[in-house]
Amino acid sequence: MPEIILHHFDASPFAEKIRLIFGLKDLSWASVDAELIMPKPKLTALTGGYRKTPVMQIGADIYCDSRLIAVELERRFPEPTIFPEESRGLSLALSSWSDHDLHIASSGSAIGVNIHQFPESLMRDRKAYFGDFMNVEGLEPEIPHLTTQLRAHVHLIEQQLTDGRSFLLGSEPGLIDFHAYVEVWTALAHIPFAKALFEPFKHLPAWIARIQKIGRGQRIEITSEDAHAIARQASPKVLREVDRTDALGLADGDEIIVTPDDYGRVPVSGRLVTLTVHEVAIEREDEVVGTVAVHFPRIGFRISKTD
């Protein structure tokens, strides 16, 4: 059994980003098909309520958000790097571009174009999920605007490739490529006019083909129950480190709440075990999976002390 478990669904651009990292690093991993609509009891048994995917599980350590998952994979498996040309800071900073502006243009267009095909239960869930981040019900009339935004963003990718380079930073692929690619991949898969929209971009198709050749690593399928059993039989291997200079003034063992600040704003409660400039982790108990450590990035998450 591979030590890496990814809870995801195949159409997710954020999960595709992580699958590409598996491919680049030639990793074996176990796939769990995550529930699509809340409540997600099989996923939230591990996360404490966090509903987004992908979620990466290694034993009893649960990593939330593709940004943190990418960094953790790089720490554990540094070669080949996802940060070619010493691009770590730039690569991580550009996740905000990909995960917000480009994501709204691409996924927003895809939802707007296909909105009448969505079951009512999925529409209710997505309306609650995105909240004020993306007005799901108002996307259809926004398609012309979103289309202009999507084309403008993808033109940025084209401009970076005009000197004949293979990837966005040069000769080696990296996280920056994956940020950009997954939203282009989403558009081409779900927007009928996307191919024609991108047709003027002459360097884009070869870059897409090079990314696709990277592969997705070696995948096996397991069940949520398999993943739960692995968590129960393991113990968290979290580094206990709390930054005493952090402005929040928290201490090891404090009961805290961690909540995404963009969408899917479901709070997760637990005992603080790690607080650095990059990461926060809490320990929590669950009757299904036992004691787990749930890890989040600092960027994009709000932390508060439990009253």
Protein backbone atom coordinates (compact mmCIF):
# COMPACT_ATOMS: atom_id res chain seq x y z
CA MET A 1 0.00 0.00 0.00
CA PRO A 2 1.46 3.44 -0.91
CA GLU A 3 1.93 5.75 2.07
CA ILE A 4 0.32 8.68 0.23
CA ILE A 5 -3.48 8.73 0.10
CA LEU A 6 -5.28 11.41 -1.89
CA HIS A 7 -8.94 12.12 -1.18
CA HIS A 8 -10.16 13.81 -4.36
CA PHE A 9 -12.40 13.61 -7.40
CA ASP A 10 -11.14 13.37 -10.93
CA ALA A 11 -12.63 16.62 -12.30
CA SER A 12 -11.08 18.85 -9.63
CA PRO A 13 -8.41 21.25 -10.98
CA PHE A 14 -6.82 21.47 -7.54
CA ALA A 15 -6.56 17.69 -7.36
CA GLU A 16 -5.15 17.58 -10.88
CA LYS A 17 -2.39 19.92 -9.70
CA ILE A 18 -1.39 17.40 -7.03
CA ARG A 19 -1.69 14.46 -9.42
CA LEU A 20 0.76 16.21 -11.74
CA ILE A 21 3.20 16.54 -8.84
CA PHE A 22 2.87 12.79 -8.32
CA GLY A 23 3.71 12.35 -11.99
CA LEU A 24 6.70 14.69 -11.92
CA LYS A 25 8.12 12.96 -8.83
CA ASP A 26 7.13 9.46 -10.07
CA LEU A 27 5.24 8.65 -6.87
CA SER A 28 2.91 5.78 -6.05
CA TRP A 29 -0.30 6.82 -4.34
CA ALA A 30 -3.68 5.56 -3.23
CA SER A 31 -6.83 7.23 -4.49
CA VAL A 32 -10.02 7.69 -2.46
CA ASP A 33 -13.08 8.98 -4.28
CA ALA A 34 -14.22 11.90 -2.11
CA GLU A 35 -17.88 12.69 -1.58
CA LEU A 36 -19.10 15.54 -3.76
CA ILE A 37 -21.95 17.06 -1.70
CA MET A 38 -22.14 17.91 2.00
CA PRO A 39 -22.34 16.39 4.48
CA LYS A 40 -19.17 14.46 3.72
CA PRO A 41 -18.91 12.16 6.75
CA LYS A 42 -16.14 9.96 5.33
CA LEU A 43 -13.90 12.94 4.54
CA THR A 44 -14.76 15.07 7.56
CA ALA A 45 -14.02 12.19 9.93
CA LEU A 46 -10.41 12.88 8.94
CA THR A 47 -10.52 16.67 8.60
CA GLY A 48 -12.86 17.67 11.41
CA GLY A 49 -15.22 19.47 9.06
CA TYR A 50 -13.00 20.85 6.30
CA ARG A 51 -14.88 20.00 3.12
CA LYS A 52 -12.59 21.01 0.25
CA THR A 53 -10.61 18.59 -1.86
CA PRO A 54 -7.99 17.44 -2.39
CA VAL A 55 -6.93 16.26 1.05
CA MET A 56 -3.73 14.26 1.42
CA GLN A 57 -3.39 11.64 4.13
CA ILE A 58 -0.13 10.10 5.28
CA GLY A 59 -0.86 7.82 8.22
CA ALA A 60 -2.65 9.95 10.81
CA ASP A 61 -1.46 13.26 9.35
CA ILE A 62 -4.06 15.02 7.22
CA TYR A 63 -2.93 17.81 4.87
CA CYS A 64 -5.54 20.30 3.64
CA ASP A 65 -5.30 22.71 0.69
CA SER A 66 -3.29 22.08 -2.47
CA ARG A 67 -0.77 24.77 -1.50
CA LEU A 68 0.29 22.97 1.66
CA ILE A 69 0.09 19.54 0.01
CA ALA A 70 2.53 20.69 -2.70
CA VAL A 71 4.99 21.99 -0.10
CA GLU A 72 4.76 18.81 1.97
CA LEU A 73 5.38 16.62 -1.07
CA GLU A 74 8.42 18.72 -1.94
CA ARG A 75 9.74 18.34 1.63
CA ARG A 76 9.34 14.58 1.60
CA PHE A 77 10.36 14.00 -2.03
CA PRO A 78 12.65 16.87 -3.06
CA GLU A 79 13.80 15.45 -6.41
CA PRO A 80 12.88 16.38 -9.05
CA THR A 81 11.86 19.74 -7.64
CA ILE A 82 8.58 21.50 -8.32
CA PHE A 83 10.50 24.77 -7.92
CA PRO A 84 12.97 24.92 -10.84
CA GLU A 85 15.12 28.04 -11.29
CA GLU A 86 14.93 28.76 -7.52
CA SER A 87 11.27 29.68 -7.97
CA ARG A 88 9.82 28.58 -4.61
CA GLY A 89 8.56 31.99 -3.45
CA LEU A 90 7.25 32.99 -6.86
CA SER A 91 5.57 29.61 -7.38
CA LEU A 92 3.75 29.76 -4.07
CA ALA A 93 2.75 33.39 -4.56
CA LEU A 94 1.23 32.61 -7.96
CA SER A 95 -1.14 30.12 -6.36
CA SER A 96 -3.27 33.16 -5.46
CA TRP A 97 -3.49 34.09 -9.14
CA SER A 98 -4.37 30.56 -10.20
CA ASP A 99 -6.70 29.77 -7.31
CA HIS A 100 -8.62 33.04 -7.47
CA ASP A 101 -8.59 35.11 -10.67
CA LEU A 102 -7.87 32.34 -13.17
CA HIS A 103 -10.07 29.86 -11.29
CA ILE A 104 -13.07 32.19 -11.31
CA ALA A 105 -12.62 32.83 -15.05
CA SER A 106 -12.22 29.17 -15.96
CA SER A 107 -14.40 27.29 -13.48
CA GLY A 108 -16.92 30.14 -13.36
CA SER A 109 -17.34 29.93 -17.14
CA ALA A 110 -17.61 26.14 -16.96
CA ILE A 111 -20.33 26.29 -14.29
CA GLY A 112 -22.20 29.04 -16.12
CA VAL A 113 -22.20 27.15 -19.42
CA ASN A 114 -23.37 23.89 -17.85
CA ILE A 115 -25.55 25.21 -15.05
CA HIS A 116 -28.82 23.78 -16.41
CA GLN A 117 -27.34 20.28 -16.34
CA PHE A 118 -26.64 20.38 -12.59
CA PRO A 119 -28.99 18.47 -10.27
CA GLU A 120 -30.81 20.72 -7.82
CA SER A 121 -28.99 19.13 -4.88
CA LEU A 122 -25.62 20.01 -6.42
CA MET A 123 -26.74 23.58 -7.11
CA ARG A 124 -27.81 24.07 -3.49
CA ASP A 125 -24.51 22.66 -2.29
CA ARG A 126 -22.39 24.81 -4.60
CA LYS A 127 -24.34 27.95 -3.72
CA ALA A 128 -23.59 27.38 -0.05
CA TYR A 129 -20.02 26.28 -0.79
CA PHE A 130 -18.92 29.30 -2.82
CA GLY A 131 -20.93 31.92 -0.93
CA ASP A 132 -19.80 35.44 -1.83
CA PHE A 133 -16.63 34.13 -3.52
CA MET A 134 -18.58 33.20 -6.65
CA ASN A 135 -22.28 33.91 -7.26
CA VAL A 136 -23.20 30.55 -8.76
CA GLU A 137 -26.75 31.55 -9.63
CA GLY A 138 -25.51 34.65 -11.47
CA LEU A 139 -22.80 33.02 -13.58
CA GLU A 140 -24.81 32.37 -16.74
CA PRO A 141 -25.28 36.05 -17.71
CA GLU A 142 -21.62 36.65 -16.78
CA ILE A 143 -20.31 34.20 -19.41
CA PRO A 144 -19.26 36.94 -21.91
CA HIS A 145 -17.30 38.79 -19.22
CA LEU A 146 -15.78 35.60 -17.81
CA THR A 147 -14.79 34.57 -21.33
CA THR A 148 -12.86 37.80 -21.83
CA GLN A 149 -11.13 37.28 -18.50
CA LEU A 150 -10.25 33.68 -19.30
CA ARG A 151 -8.75 34.61 -22.66
CA ALA A 152 -6.74 37.45 -21.09
CA HIS A 153 -5.33 35.16 -18.40
CA VAL A 154 -4.44 32.39 -20.85
CA HIS A 155 -2.76 35.00 -23.06
CA LEU A 156 -0.37 35.61 -20.15
CA ILE A 157 0.68 31.95 -20.44
CA GLU A 158 1.11 32.32 -24.19
CA GLN A 159 3.30 35.40 -23.74
CA GLN A 160 5.60 33.50 -21.39
CA LEU A 161 6.07 30.80 -24.04
CA THR A 162 6.74 33.01 -27.06
CA ASP A 163 10.56 32.67 -26.89
CA GLY A 164 10.25 28.93 -27.55
CA ARG A 165 10.86 27.69 -24.00
CA SER A 166 9.39 24.32 -23.09
CA PHE A 167 7.85 25.38 -19.78
CA LEU A 168 6.95 28.65 -18.13
CA LEU A 169 10.30 29.06 -16.36
CA GLY A 170 12.51 27.42 -18.98
CA SER A 171 13.46 23.84 -19.74
CA GLU A 172 12.00 22.15 -16.63
CA PRO A 173 8.35 21.87 -15.53
CA GLY A 174 7.27 23.03 -12.12
CA LEU A 175 4.43 24.12 -9.89
CA ILE A 176 4.00 27.35 -11.87
CA ASP A 177 3.14 25.28 -14.94
CA PHE A 178 0.69 23.20 -12.97
CA HIS A 179 -1.03 26.32 -11.55
CA ALA A 180 -1.72 27.51 -15.07
CA TYR A 181 -2.35 24.18 -16.76
CA VAL A 182 -5.12 22.90 -14.49
CA GLU A 183 -7.43 25.81 -15.27
CA VAL A 184 -6.76 25.51 -19.01
CA TRP A 185 -7.46 21.76 -18.62
CA THR A 186 -10.75 22.56 -16.87
CA ALA A 187 -11.79 25.00 -19.59
CA LEU A 188 -11.00 22.60 -22.43
CA ALA A 189 -12.89 19.78 -20.70
CA HIS A 190 -16.05 21.70 -19.77
CA ILE A 191 -16.42 24.80 -21.99
CA PRO A 192 -17.49 23.86 -25.54
CA PHE A 193 -15.99 26.99 -27.11
CA ALA A 194 -12.68 26.91 -25.19
CA LYS A 195 -10.70 25.27 -28.00
CA ALA A 196 -11.74 27.99 -30.44
CA LEU A 197 -11.08 30.64 -27.80
CA PHE A 198 -7.49 29.47 -27.37
CA GLU A 199 -6.83 28.80 -31.07
CA PRO A 200 -4.93 32.09 -31.66
CA PHE A 201 -2.37 31.06 -29.01
CA LYS A 202 0.16 29.16 -31.14
CA HIS A 203 2.54 28.11 -28.36
CA LEU A 204 -0.16 26.84 -26.00
CA PRO A 205 -0.91 23.41 -27.57
CA ALA A 206 2.70 22.16 -27.43
CA TRP A 207 3.00 23.28 -23.81
CA ILE A 208 -0.23 21.46 -22.95
CA ALA A 209 1.09 18.32 -24.62
CA ARG A 210 4.35 18.49 -22.67
CA ILE A 211 2.46 18.83 -19.38
CA GLN A 212 0.22 15.88 -20.25
CA LYS A 213 3.25 13.67 -20.88
CA ILE A 214 4.34 14.11 -17.26
CA GLY A 215 1.73 11.59 -16.18
CA ARG A 216 0.09 11.21 -12.77
CA GLY A 217 2.30 8.68 -11.00
CA GLN A 218 1.21 5.17 -10.07
CA ARG A 219 -2.37 5.12 -8.79
CA ILE A 220 -4.31 2.43 -6.98
CA GLU A 221 -7.89 2.67 -5.72
CA ILE A 222 -8.85 2.16 -2.08
CA THR A 223 -11.99 2.90 -0.06
CA SER A 224 -12.63 5.53 2.58
CA GLU A 225 -12.88 2.70 5.09
CA ASP A 226 -9.36 1.57 4.13
CA ALA A 227 -8.08 5.10 4.69
CA HIS A 228 -9.86 5.35 8.05
CA ALA A 229 -8.27 2.09 9.19
CA ILE A 230 -4.81 3.38 8.23
CA ALA A 231 -5.39 6.53 10.30
CA ARG A 232 -6.58 4.53 13.32
CA GLN A 233 -3.51 2.31 13.23
CA ALA A 234 -1.09 5.26 13.01
CA SER A 235 -0.10 8.17 15.22
CA PRO A 236 0.45 11.75 14.04
CA LYS A 237 4.07 12.58 13.29
CA VAL A 238 3.64 16.31 13.62
CA LEU A 239 6.49 18.65 14.60
CA ARG A 240 5.50 20.43 17.82
CA GLU A 241 6.57 24.00 17.18
CA VAL A 242 4.65 27.16 18.11
CA ASP A 243 6.07 30.52 17.10
CA ARG A 244 6.05 32.69 20.22
CA THR A 245 6.52 35.84 18.11
CA ASP A 246 3.31 35.21 16.16
CA ALA A 247 0.87 38.11 16.49
CA LEU A 248 -1.97 35.81 17.57
CA GLY A 249 -0.21 35.04 20.87
CA LEU A 250 -1.11 31.35 20.91
CA ALA A 251 0.59 28.58 22.91
CA ASP A 252 1.08 24.85 22.44
CA GLY A 253 -2.12 23.02 23.37
CA ASP A 254 -4.47 25.97 23.00
CA GLU A 255 -7.90 25.09 21.70
CA ILE A 256 -8.25 26.89 18.39
CA ILE A 257 -10.49 27.14 15.32
CA VAL A 258 -9.12 27.17 11.75
CA THR A 259 -11.37 28.37 8.92
CA PRO A 260 -10.78 28.98 5.18
CA ASP A 261 -11.18 32.68 4.40
CA ASP A 262 -12.37 32.37 0.78
CA TYR A 263 -15.11 29.73 0.43
CA GLY A 264 -16.07 26.40 1.96
CA ARG A 265 -15.83 28.26 5.27
CA VAL A 266 -16.35 25.32 7.62
CA PRO A 267 -14.45 25.77 10.91
CA VAL A 268 -12.22 23.01 12.26
CA SER A 269 -11.46 22.82 15.99
CA GLY A 270 -8.60 21.16 17.85
CA ARG A 271 -5.50 21.52 20.02
CA LEU A 272 -2.72 23.62 18.55
CA VAL A 273 0.47 21.64 17.92
CA THR A 274 2.18 23.58 15.12
CA LEU A 275 2.18 27.30 14.32
CA THR A 276 4.82 28.68 11.97
CA VAL A 277 4.84 31.43 9.37
CA HIS A 278 3.76 28.83 6.79
CA GLU A 279 1.65 26.22 8.59
CA VAL A 280 -0.83 25.59 11.37
CA ALA A 281 -1.67 22.10 12.63
CA ILE A 282 -4.13 20.87 15.23
CA GLU A 283 -4.69 17.53 16.92
CA ARG A 284 -8.21 16.19 17.27
CA GLU A 285 -9.97 12.96 18.16
CA ASP A 286 -12.64 11.25 16.14
CA GLU A 287 -14.52 8.07 17.00
CA VAL A 288 -13.98 6.74 13.47
CA VAL A 289 -10.30 7.52 12.85
CA GLY A 290 -8.84 8.07 16.32
CA THR A 291 -6.27 10.83 16.94
CA VAL A 292 -5.18 12.74 13.85
CA ALA A 293 -3.23 15.91 13.13
CA VAL A 294 -4.87 18.21 10.59
CA HIS A 295 -2.48 20.56 8.77
CA PHE A 296 -3.36 23.83 6.99
CA PRO A 297 -1.33 26.55 5.28
CA ARG A 298 -1.31 29.96 6.98
CA ILE A 299 -2.12 31.85 3.78
CA GLY A 300 -5.84 31.68 3.11
CA PHE A 301 -6.88 30.54 6.59
CA ARG A 302 -8.12 32.42 9.63
CA ILE A 303 -7.16 31.23 13.13
CA SER A 304 -8.96 32.10 16.34
CA LYS A 305 -8.80 30.89 19.92
CA THR A 306 -11.81 28.94 21.17
CA ASP A 307 -13.85 30.95 23.68
